[in-house]
Structure formats: structure tokens, C-alpha cells
mmCIF file of all heavy atoms, coordinates in Angstrom:
data_MODEL
# 
_entry.id   MODEL 
# 
loop_
_atom_site.group_PDB 
_atom_site.id 
_atom_site.type_symbol 
_atom_site.label_atom_id 
_atom_site.label_alt_id 
_atom_site.label_comp_id 
_atom_site.label_asym_id 
_atom_site.label_entity_id 
_atom_site.label_seq_id 
_atom_site.pdbx_PDB_ins_code 
_atom_site.Cartn_x 
_atom_site.Cartn_y 
_atom_site.Cartn_z 
_atom_site.occupancy 
_atom_site.B_iso_or_equiv 
_atom_site.pdbx_formal_charge 
_atom_site.auth_seq_id 
_atom_site.auth_comp_id 
_atom_site.auth_asym_id 
_atom_site.auth_atom_id 
_atom_site.pdbx_PDB_model_num 
ATOM 1   N N   . ALA A 1 1  ? 114.246 103.936 86.432  1.00 0.00 ? 1  ALA A N   1 
ATOM 2   C CA  . ALA A 1 1  ? 115.119 104.373 85.310  1.00 0.00 ? 1  ALA A CA  1 
ATOM 3   C C   . ALA A 1 1  ? 114.550 104.155 83.939  1.00 0.00 ? 1  ALA A C   1 
ATOM 4   O O   . ALA A 1 1  ? 114.738 104.926 83.044  1.00 0.00 ? 1  ALA A O   1 
ATOM 5   C CB  . ALA A 1 1  ? 116.343 103.647 85.484  1.00 0.00 ? 1  ALA A CB  1 
ATOM 6   N N   . SER A 1 2  ? 113.917 103.014 83.610  1.00 0.00 ? 2  SER A N   1 
ATOM 7   C CA  . SER A 1 2  ? 113.413 102.697 82.264  1.00 0.00 ? 2  SER A CA  1 
ATOM 8   C C   . SER A 1 2  ? 112.283 101.642 82.375  1.00 0.00 ? 2  SER A C   1 
ATOM 9   O O   . SER A 1 2  ? 112.156 101.065 83.459  1.00 0.00 ? 2  SER A O   1 
ATOM 10  C CB  . SER A 1 2  ? 114.575 102.128 81.597  1.00 0.00 ? 2  SER A CB  1 
ATOM 11  O OG  . SER A 1 2  ? 115.069 100.911 81.971  1.00 0.00 ? 2  SER A OG  1 
ATOM 12  N N   . PRO A 1 3  ? 111.605 101.423 81.301  1.00 0.00 ? 3  PRO A N   1 
ATOM 13  C CA  . PRO A 1 3  ? 110.567 100.452 81.396  1.00 0.00 ? 3  PRO A CA  1 
ATOM 14  C C   . PRO A 1 3  ? 111.067 99.069  81.622  1.00 0.00 ? 3  PRO A C   1 
ATOM 15  O O   . PRO A 1 3  ? 110.525 98.243  82.462  1.00 0.00 ? 3  PRO A O   1 
ATOM 16  C CB  . PRO A 1 3  ? 109.885 100.422 79.953  1.00 0.00 ? 3  PRO A CB  1 
ATOM 17  C CG  . PRO A 1 3  ? 110.140 101.940 79.572  1.00 0.00 ? 3  PRO A CG  1 
ATOM 18  C CD  . PRO A 1 3  ? 111.460 102.276 80.130  1.00 0.00 ? 3  PRO A CD  1 
ATOM 19  N N   . GLN A 1 4  ? 112.318 98.757  81.129  1.00 0.00 ? 4  GLN A N   1 
ATOM 20  C CA  . GLN A 1 4  ? 113.004 97.457  81.351  1.00 0.00 ? 4  GLN A CA  1 
ATOM 21  C C   . GLN A 1 4  ? 113.286 97.386  82.821  1.00 0.00 ? 4  GLN A C   1 
ATOM 22  O O   . GLN A 1 4  ? 113.228 96.215  83.420  1.00 0.00 ? 4  GLN A O   1 
ATOM 23  C CB  . GLN A 1 4  ? 114.211 97.245  80.475  1.00 0.00 ? 4  GLN A CB  1 
ATOM 24  C CG  . GLN A 1 4  ? 113.967 97.166  79.008  1.00 0.00 ? 4  GLN A CG  1 
ATOM 25  C CD  . GLN A 1 4  ? 113.677 98.469  78.259  1.00 0.00 ? 4  GLN A CD  1 
ATOM 26  O OE1 . GLN A 1 4  ? 113.782 99.542  78.915  1.00 0.00 ? 4  GLN A OE1 1 
ATOM 27  N NE2 . GLN A 1 4  ? 113.158 98.468  77.031  1.00 0.00 ? 4  GLN A NE2 1 
ATOM 28  N N   . SER A 1 5  ? 113.882 98.318  83.342  1.00 0.00 ? 5  SER A N   1 
ATOM 29  C CA  . SER A 1 5  ? 114.341 98.208  84.787  1.00 0.00 ? 5  SER A CA  1 
ATOM 30  C C   . SER A 1 5  ? 113.186 98.142  85.655  1.00 0.00 ? 5  SER A C   1 
ATOM 31  O O   . SER A 1 5  ? 113.069 97.378  86.676  1.00 0.00 ? 5  SER A O   1 
ATOM 32  C CB  . SER A 1 5  ? 115.277 99.349  85.210  1.00 0.00 ? 5  SER A CB  1 
ATOM 33  O OG  . SER A 1 5  ? 114.488 100.528 85.286  1.00 0.00 ? 5  SER A OG  1 
ATOM 34  N N   . ALA A 1 6  ? 112.012 98.746  85.310  1.00 0.00 ? 6  ALA A N   1 
ATOM 35  C CA  . ALA A 1 6  ? 110.880 98.682  86.094  1.00 0.00 ? 6  ALA A CA  1 
ATOM 36  C C   . ALA A 1 6  ? 110.303 97.338  86.198  1.00 0.00 ? 6  ALA A C   1 
ATOM 37  O O   . ALA A 1 6  ? 109.962 96.838  87.263  1.00 0.00 ? 6  ALA A O   1 
ATOM 38  C CB  . ALA A 1 6  ? 109.838 99.680  85.543  1.00 0.00 ? 6  ALA A CB  1 
ATOM 39  N N   . ILE A 1 7  ? 110.134 96.679  85.077  1.00 0.00 ? 7  ILE A N   1 
ATOM 40  C CA  . ILE A 1 7  ? 109.491 95.325  84.961  1.00 0.00 ? 7  ILE A CA  1 
ATOM 41  C C   . ILE A 1 7  ? 110.509 94.356  85.595  1.00 0.00 ? 7  ILE A C   1 
ATOM 42  O O   . ILE A 1 7  ? 110.081 93.371  86.324  1.00 0.00 ? 7  ILE A O   1 
ATOM 43  C CB  . ILE A 1 7  ? 109.141 94.884  83.515  1.00 0.00 ? 7  ILE A CB  1 
ATOM 44  C CG1 . ILE A 1 7  ? 108.232 93.698  83.539  1.00 0.00 ? 7  ILE A CG1 1 
ATOM 45  C CG2 . ILE A 1 7  ? 110.387 94.710  82.642  1.00 0.00 ? 7  ILE A CG2 1 
ATOM 46  C CD1 . ILE A 1 7  ? 106.927 93.926  84.104  1.00 0.00 ? 7  ILE A CD1 1 
ATOM 47  N N   . LEU A 1 8  ? 111.811 94.498  85.329  1.00 0.00 ? 8  LEU A N   1 
ATOM 48  C CA  . LEU A 1 8  ? 112.766 93.496  85.961  1.00 0.00 ? 8  LEU A CA  1 
ATOM 49  C C   . LEU A 1 8  ? 112.764 93.578  87.409  1.00 0.00 ? 8  LEU A C   1 
ATOM 50  O O   . LEU A 1 8  ? 112.765 92.749  88.175  1.00 0.00 ? 8  LEU A O   1 
ATOM 51  C CB  . LEU A 1 8  ? 114.167 93.733  85.358  1.00 0.00 ? 8  LEU A CB  1 
ATOM 52  C CG  . LEU A 1 8  ? 115.252 92.716  85.886  1.00 0.00 ? 8  LEU A CG  1 
ATOM 53  C CD1 . LEU A 1 8  ? 114.837 91.257  85.531  1.00 0.00 ? 8  LEU A CD1 1 
ATOM 54  C CD2 . LEU A 1 8  ? 116.633 93.137  85.243  1.00 0.00 ? 8  LEU A CD2 1 
ATOM 55  N N   . SER A 1 9  ? 112.747 94.932  87.917  1.00 0.00 ? 9  SER A N   1 
ATOM 56  C CA  . SER A 1 9  ? 112.794 95.187  89.392  1.00 0.00 ? 9  SER A CA  1 
ATOM 57  C C   . SER A 1 9  ? 111.587 94.572  90.003  1.00 0.00 ? 9  SER A C   1 
ATOM 58  O O   . SER A 1 9  ? 111.630 93.901  91.098  1.00 0.00 ? 9  SER A O   1 
ATOM 59  C CB  . SER A 1 9  ? 112.820 96.631  89.732  1.00 0.00 ? 9  SER A CB  1 
ATOM 60  O OG  . SER A 1 9  ? 114.087 97.248  89.172  1.00 0.00 ? 9  SER A OG  1 
ATOM 61  N N   . ALA A 1 10 ? 110.406 94.732  89.349  1.00 0.00 ? 10 ALA A N   1 
ATOM 62  C CA  . ALA A 1 10 ? 109.175 94.216  89.955  1.00 0.00 ? 10 ALA A CA  1 
ATOM 63  C C   . ALA A 1 10 ? 109.093 92.659  89.954  1.00 0.00 ? 10 ALA A C   1 
ATOM 64  O O   . ALA A 1 10 ? 108.649 92.182  90.955  1.00 0.00 ? 10 ALA A O   1 
ATOM 65  C CB  . ALA A 1 10 ? 107.884 94.761  89.040  1.00 0.00 ? 10 ALA A CB  1 
ATOM 66  N N   . ILE A 1 11 ? 109.664 92.072  89.009  1.00 0.00 ? 11 ILE A N   1 
ATOM 67  C CA  . ILE A 1 11 ? 109.593 90.573  88.936  1.00 0.00 ? 11 ILE A CA  1 
ATOM 68  C C   . ILE A 1 11 ? 110.554 90.094  89.925  1.00 0.00 ? 11 ILE A C   1 
ATOM 69  O O   . ILE A 1 11 ? 110.349 88.979  90.561  1.00 0.00 ? 11 ILE A O   1 
ATOM 70  C CB  . ILE A 1 11 ? 109.891 90.078  87.409  1.00 0.00 ? 11 ILE A CB  1 
ATOM 71  C CG1 . ILE A 1 11 ? 109.287 88.651  87.301  1.00 0.00 ? 11 ILE A CG1 1 
ATOM 72  C CG2 . ILE A 1 11 ? 111.370 90.122  87.147  1.00 0.00 ? 11 ILE A CG2 1 
ATOM 73  C CD1 . ILE A 1 11 ? 107.897 88.580  87.252  1.00 0.00 ? 11 ILE A CD1 1 
ATOM 74  N N   . ILE A 1 12 ? 111.712 90.732  90.172  1.00 0.00 ? 12 ILE A N   1 
ATOM 75  C CA  . ILE A 1 12 ? 112.734 90.270  91.144  1.00 0.00 ? 12 ILE A CA  1 
ATOM 76  C C   . ILE A 1 12 ? 112.073 90.480  92.602  1.00 0.00 ? 12 ILE A C   1 
ATOM 77  O O   . ILE A 1 12 ? 112.146 89.555  93.348  1.00 0.00 ? 12 ILE A O   1 
ATOM 78  C CB  . ILE A 1 12 ? 114.061 91.023  91.066  1.00 0.00 ? 12 ILE A CB  1 
ATOM 79  C CG1 . ILE A 1 12 ? 114.769 90.635  89.752  1.00 0.00 ? 12 ILE A CG1 1 
ATOM 80  C CG2 . ILE A 1 12 ? 114.878 90.757  92.262  1.00 0.00 ? 12 ILE A CG2 1 
ATOM 81  C CD1 . ILE A 1 12 ? 116.050 91.561  89.554  1.00 0.00 ? 12 ILE A CD1 1 
ATOM 82  N N   . PHE A 1 13 ? 111.461 91.718  92.724  1.00 0.00 ? 13 PHE A N   1 
ATOM 83  C CA  . PHE A 1 13 ? 110.807 91.884  94.066  1.00 0.00 ? 13 PHE A CA  1 
ATOM 84  C C   . PHE A 1 13 ? 109.725 90.874  94.365  1.00 0.00 ? 13 PHE A C   1 
ATOM 85  O O   . PHE A 1 13 ? 109.532 90.366  95.448  1.00 0.00 ? 13 PHE A O   1 
ATOM 86  C CB  . PHE A 1 13 ? 110.153 93.273  94.043  1.00 0.00 ? 13 PHE A CB  1 
ATOM 87  C CG  . PHE A 1 13 ? 109.380 93.540  95.236  1.00 0.00 ? 13 PHE A CG  1 
ATOM 88  C CD1 . PHE A 1 13 ? 109.914 93.992  96.508  1.00 0.00 ? 13 PHE A CD1 1 
ATOM 89  C CD2 . PHE A 1 13 ? 107.983 93.447  95.301  1.00 0.00 ? 13 PHE A CD2 1 
ATOM 90  C CE1 . PHE A 1 13 ? 109.127 94.232  97.565  1.00 0.00 ? 13 PHE A CE1 1 
ATOM 91  C CE2 . PHE A 1 13 ? 107.194 93.666  96.399  1.00 0.00 ? 13 PHE A CE2 1 
ATOM 92  C CZ  . PHE A 1 13 ? 107.817 94.090  97.551  1.00 0.00 ? 13 PHE A CZ  1 
ATOM 93  N N   . ASN A 1 14 ? 108.910 90.560  93.319  1.00 0.00 ? 14 ASN A N   1 
ATOM 94  C CA  . ASN A 1 14 ? 107.832 89.572  93.424  1.00 0.00 ? 14 ASN A CA  1 
ATOM 95  C C   . ASN A 1 14 ? 108.333 88.193  93.853  1.00 0.00 ? 14 ASN A C   1 
ATOM 96  O O   . ASN A 1 14 ? 107.637 87.472  94.660  1.00 0.00 ? 14 ASN A O   1 
ATOM 97  C CB  . ASN A 1 14 ? 107.251 89.453  92.109  1.00 0.00 ? 14 ASN A CB  1 
ATOM 98  C CG  . ASN A 1 14 ? 105.793 88.791  92.147  1.00 0.00 ? 14 ASN A CG  1 
ATOM 99  O OD1 . ASN A 1 14 ? 104.982 89.342  92.871  1.00 0.00 ? 14 ASN A OD1 1 
ATOM 100 N ND2 . ASN A 1 14 ? 105.530 87.724  91.586  1.00 0.00 ? 14 ASN A ND2 1 
ATOM 101 N N   . ALA A 1 15 ? 109.493 87.805  93.460  1.00 0.00 ? 15 ALA A N   1 
ATOM 102 C CA  . ALA A 1 15 ? 110.097 86.475  93.830  1.00 0.00 ? 15 ALA A CA  1 
ATOM 103 C C   . ALA A 1 15 ? 110.680 86.521  95.318  1.00 0.00 ? 15 ALA A C   1 
ATOM 104 O O   . ALA A 1 15 ? 110.366 85.611  96.042  1.00 0.00 ? 15 ALA A O   1 
ATOM 105 C CB  . ALA A 1 15 ? 111.133 86.099  92.837  1.00 0.00 ? 15 ALA A CB  1 
ATOM 106 N N   . LEU A 1 16 ? 111.346 87.713  95.578  1.00 0.00 ? 16 LEU A N   1 
ATOM 107 C CA  . LEU A 1 16 ? 112.038 87.710  96.805  1.00 0.00 ? 16 LEU A CA  1 
ATOM 108 C C   . LEU A 1 16 ? 111.053 87.935  98.012  1.00 0.00 ? 16 LEU A C   1 
ATOM 109 O O   . LEU A 1 16 ? 111.370 87.448  99.112  1.00 0.00 ? 16 LEU A O   1 
ATOM 110 C CB  . LEU A 1 16 ? 113.090 88.912  96.835  1.00 0.00 ? 16 LEU A CB  1 
ATOM 111 C CG  . LEU A 1 16 ? 114.241 88.748  95.879  1.00 0.00 ? 16 LEU A CG  1 
ATOM 112 C CD1 . LEU A 1 16 ? 115.059 90.005  95.917  1.00 0.00 ? 16 LEU A CD1 1 
ATOM 113 C CD2 . LEU A 1 16 ? 114.956 87.524  96.185  1.00 0.00 ? 16 LEU A CD2 1 
ATOM 114 N N   . ILE A 1 17 ? 109.959 88.617  97.734  1.00 0.00 ? 17 ILE A N   1 
ATOM 115 C CA  . ILE A 1 17 ? 109.093 88.855  98.932  1.00 0.00 ? 17 ILE A CA  1 
ATOM 116 C C   . ILE A 1 17 ? 108.444 87.529  99.333  1.00 0.00 ? 17 ILE A C   1 
ATOM 117 O O   . ILE A 1 17 ? 108.024 87.400  100.572 1.00 0.00 ? 17 ILE A O   1 
ATOM 118 C CB  . ILE A 1 17 ? 107.892 89.829  98.461  1.00 0.00 ? 17 ILE A CB  1 
ATOM 119 C CG1 . ILE A 1 17 ? 107.184 90.423  99.700  1.00 0.00 ? 17 ILE A CG1 1 
ATOM 120 C CG2 . ILE A 1 17 ? 106.916 89.244  97.485  1.00 0.00 ? 17 ILE A CG2 1 
ATOM 121 C CD1 . ILE A 1 17 ? 107.987 91.197  100.572 1.00 0.00 ? 17 ILE A CD1 1 
ATOM 122 N N   . ILE A 1 18 ? 108.321 86.583  98.486  1.00 0.00 ? 18 ILE A N   1 
ATOM 123 C CA  . ILE A 1 18 ? 107.707 85.276  98.957  1.00 0.00 ? 18 ILE A CA  1 
ATOM 124 C C   . ILE A 1 18 ? 108.672 84.605  99.876  1.00 0.00 ? 18 ILE A C   1 
ATOM 125 O O   . ILE A 1 18 ? 108.291 84.157  100.916 1.00 0.00 ? 18 ILE A O   1 
ATOM 126 C CB  . ILE A 1 18 ? 107.534 84.387  97.612  1.00 0.00 ? 18 ILE A CB  1 
ATOM 127 C CG1 . ILE A 1 18 ? 106.382 84.953  96.767  1.00 0.00 ? 18 ILE A CG1 1 
ATOM 128 C CG2 . ILE A 1 18 ? 107.208 82.967  98.082  1.00 0.00 ? 18 ILE A CG2 1 
ATOM 129 C CD1 . ILE A 1 18 ? 106.325 84.180  95.424  1.00 0.00 ? 18 ILE A CD1 1 
ATOM 130 N N   . ILE A 1 19 ? 109.905 84.527  99.508  1.00 0.00 ? 19 ILE A N   1 
ATOM 131 C CA  . ILE A 1 19 ? 110.959 83.956  100.431 1.00 0.00 ? 19 ILE A CA  1 
ATOM 132 C C   . ILE A 1 19 ? 111.051 84.739  101.761 1.00 0.00 ? 19 ILE A C   1 
ATOM 133 O O   . ILE A 1 19 ? 111.325 84.107  102.826 1.00 0.00 ? 19 ILE A O   1 
ATOM 134 C CB  . ILE A 1 19 ? 112.278 83.651  99.783  1.00 0.00 ? 19 ILE A CB  1 
ATOM 135 C CG1 . ILE A 1 19 ? 113.087 82.514  100.474 1.00 0.00 ? 19 ILE A CG1 1 
ATOM 136 C CG2 . ILE A 1 19 ? 113.071 84.810  99.559  1.00 0.00 ? 19 ILE A CG2 1 
ATOM 137 C CD1 . ILE A 1 19 ? 113.608 81.536  99.627  1.00 0.00 ? 19 ILE A CD1 1 
ATOM 138 N N   . ALA A 1 20 ? 110.893 85.993  101.667 1.00 0.00 ? 20 ALA A N   1 
ATOM 139 C CA  . ALA A 1 20 ? 111.064 86.831  102.949 1.00 0.00 ? 20 ALA A CA  1 
ATOM 140 C C   . ALA A 1 20 ? 109.940 86.555  103.868 1.00 0.00 ? 20 ALA A C   1 
ATOM 141 O O   . ALA A 1 20 ? 110.083 86.708  105.072 1.00 0.00 ? 20 ALA A O   1 
ATOM 142 C CB  . ALA A 1 20 ? 111.042 88.258  102.509 1.00 0.00 ? 20 ALA A CB  1 
ATOM 143 N N   . LEU A 1 21 ? 108.700 86.154  103.354 1.00 0.00 ? 21 LEU A N   1 
ATOM 144 C CA  . LEU A 1 21 ? 107.549 85.950  104.148 1.00 0.00 ? 21 LEU A CA  1 
ATOM 145 C C   . LEU A 1 21 ? 107.453 84.463  104.679 1.00 0.00 ? 21 LEU A C   1 
ATOM 146 O O   . LEU A 1 21 ? 106.539 84.166  105.475 1.00 0.00 ? 21 LEU A O   1 
ATOM 147 C CB  . LEU A 1 21 ? 106.215 86.376  103.508 1.00 0.00 ? 21 LEU A CB  1 
ATOM 148 C CG  . LEU A 1 21 ? 106.103 87.777  103.212 1.00 0.00 ? 21 LEU A CG  1 
ATOM 149 C CD1 . LEU A 1 21 ? 104.948 88.170  102.277 1.00 0.00 ? 21 LEU A CD1 1 
ATOM 150 C CD2 . LEU A 1 21 ? 105.924 88.670  104.471 1.00 0.00 ? 21 LEU A CD2 1 
ATOM 151 N N   . ILE A 1 22 ? 108.267 83.556  104.087 1.00 0.00 ? 22 ILE A N   1 
ATOM 152 C CA  . ILE A 1 22 ? 108.208 82.063  104.538 1.00 0.00 ? 22 ILE A CA  1 
ATOM 153 C C   . ILE A 1 22 ? 108.228 82.023  106.054 1.00 0.00 ? 22 ILE A C   1 
ATOM 154 O O   . ILE A 1 22 ? 107.410 81.225  106.650 1.00 0.00 ? 22 ILE A O   1 
ATOM 155 C CB  . ILE A 1 22 ? 109.142 81.193  103.790 1.00 0.00 ? 22 ILE A CB  1 
ATOM 156 C CG1 . ILE A 1 22 ? 108.802 81.161  102.288 1.00 0.00 ? 22 ILE A CG1 1 
ATOM 157 C CG2 . ILE A 1 22 ? 109.341 79.920  104.354 1.00 0.00 ? 22 ILE A CG2 1 
ATOM 158 C CD1 . ILE A 1 22 ? 109.731 80.411  101.399 1.00 0.00 ? 22 ILE A CD1 1 
ATOM 159 N N   . PRO A 1 23 ? 109.293 82.575  106.694 1.00 0.00 ? 23 PRO A N   1 
ATOM 160 C CA  . PRO A 1 23 ? 109.296 82.515  108.131 1.00 0.00 ? 23 PRO A CA  1 
ATOM 161 C C   . PRO A 1 23 ? 108.068 82.921  108.890 1.00 0.00 ? 23 PRO A C   1 
ATOM 162 O O   . PRO A 1 23 ? 107.629 82.219  109.884 1.00 0.00 ? 23 PRO A O   1 
ATOM 163 C CB  . PRO A 1 23 ? 110.590 83.362  108.568 1.00 0.00 ? 23 PRO A CB  1 
ATOM 164 C CG  . PRO A 1 23 ? 111.328 83.397  107.377 1.00 0.00 ? 23 PRO A CG  1 
ATOM 165 C CD  . PRO A 1 23 ? 110.372 83.440  106.194 1.00 0.00 ? 23 PRO A CD  1 
ATOM 166 N N   . LEU A 1 24 ? 107.418 83.970  108.468 1.00 0.00 ? 24 LEU A N   1 
ATOM 167 C CA  . LEU A 1 24 ? 106.180 84.460  109.073 1.00 0.00 ? 24 LEU A CA  1 
ATOM 168 C C   . LEU A 1 24 ? 104.988 83.418  108.812 1.00 0.00 ? 24 LEU A C   1 
ATOM 169 O O   . LEU A 1 24 ? 104.241 83.149  109.736 1.00 0.00 ? 24 LEU A O   1 
ATOM 170 C CB  . LEU A 1 24 ? 105.806 85.792  108.562 1.00 0.00 ? 24 LEU A CB  1 
ATOM 171 C CG  . LEU A 1 24 ? 104.583 86.425  109.123 1.00 0.00 ? 24 LEU A CG  1 
ATOM 172 C CD1 . LEU A 1 24 ? 104.647 86.541  110.607 1.00 0.00 ? 24 LEU A CD1 1 
ATOM 173 C CD2 . LEU A 1 24 ? 104.127 87.749  108.424 1.00 0.00 ? 24 LEU A CD2 1 
ATOM 174 N N   . ALA A 1 25 ? 105.025 82.824  107.634 1.00 0.00 ? 25 ALA A N   1 
ATOM 175 C CA  . ALA A 1 25 ? 104.014 81.880  107.274 1.00 0.00 ? 25 ALA A CA  1 
ATOM 176 C C   . ALA A 1 25 ? 104.074 80.584  108.152 1.00 0.00 ? 25 ALA A C   1 
ATOM 177 O O   . ALA A 1 25 ? 103.080 79.994  108.601 1.00 0.00 ? 25 ALA A O   1 
ATOM 178 C CB  . ALA A 1 25 ? 104.020 81.548  105.867 1.00 0.00 ? 25 ALA A CB  1 
# 
């Protein structure tokens, strides 16, 4: 949608993917 939504979405995804992978680790 916008540069702001792009960067916010990326930073949120970056945090959530870590916790999503903890069980696999």
C-alpha cells in the first residue's frame, strides 16, 4: 500500500518468523 506499510509489515514479519521457527529449532 505505501512505503510506511511496507517497512512496518516487513519488521513485523521479521519478528514473527523467529517465534514461528522456535518449535522447529
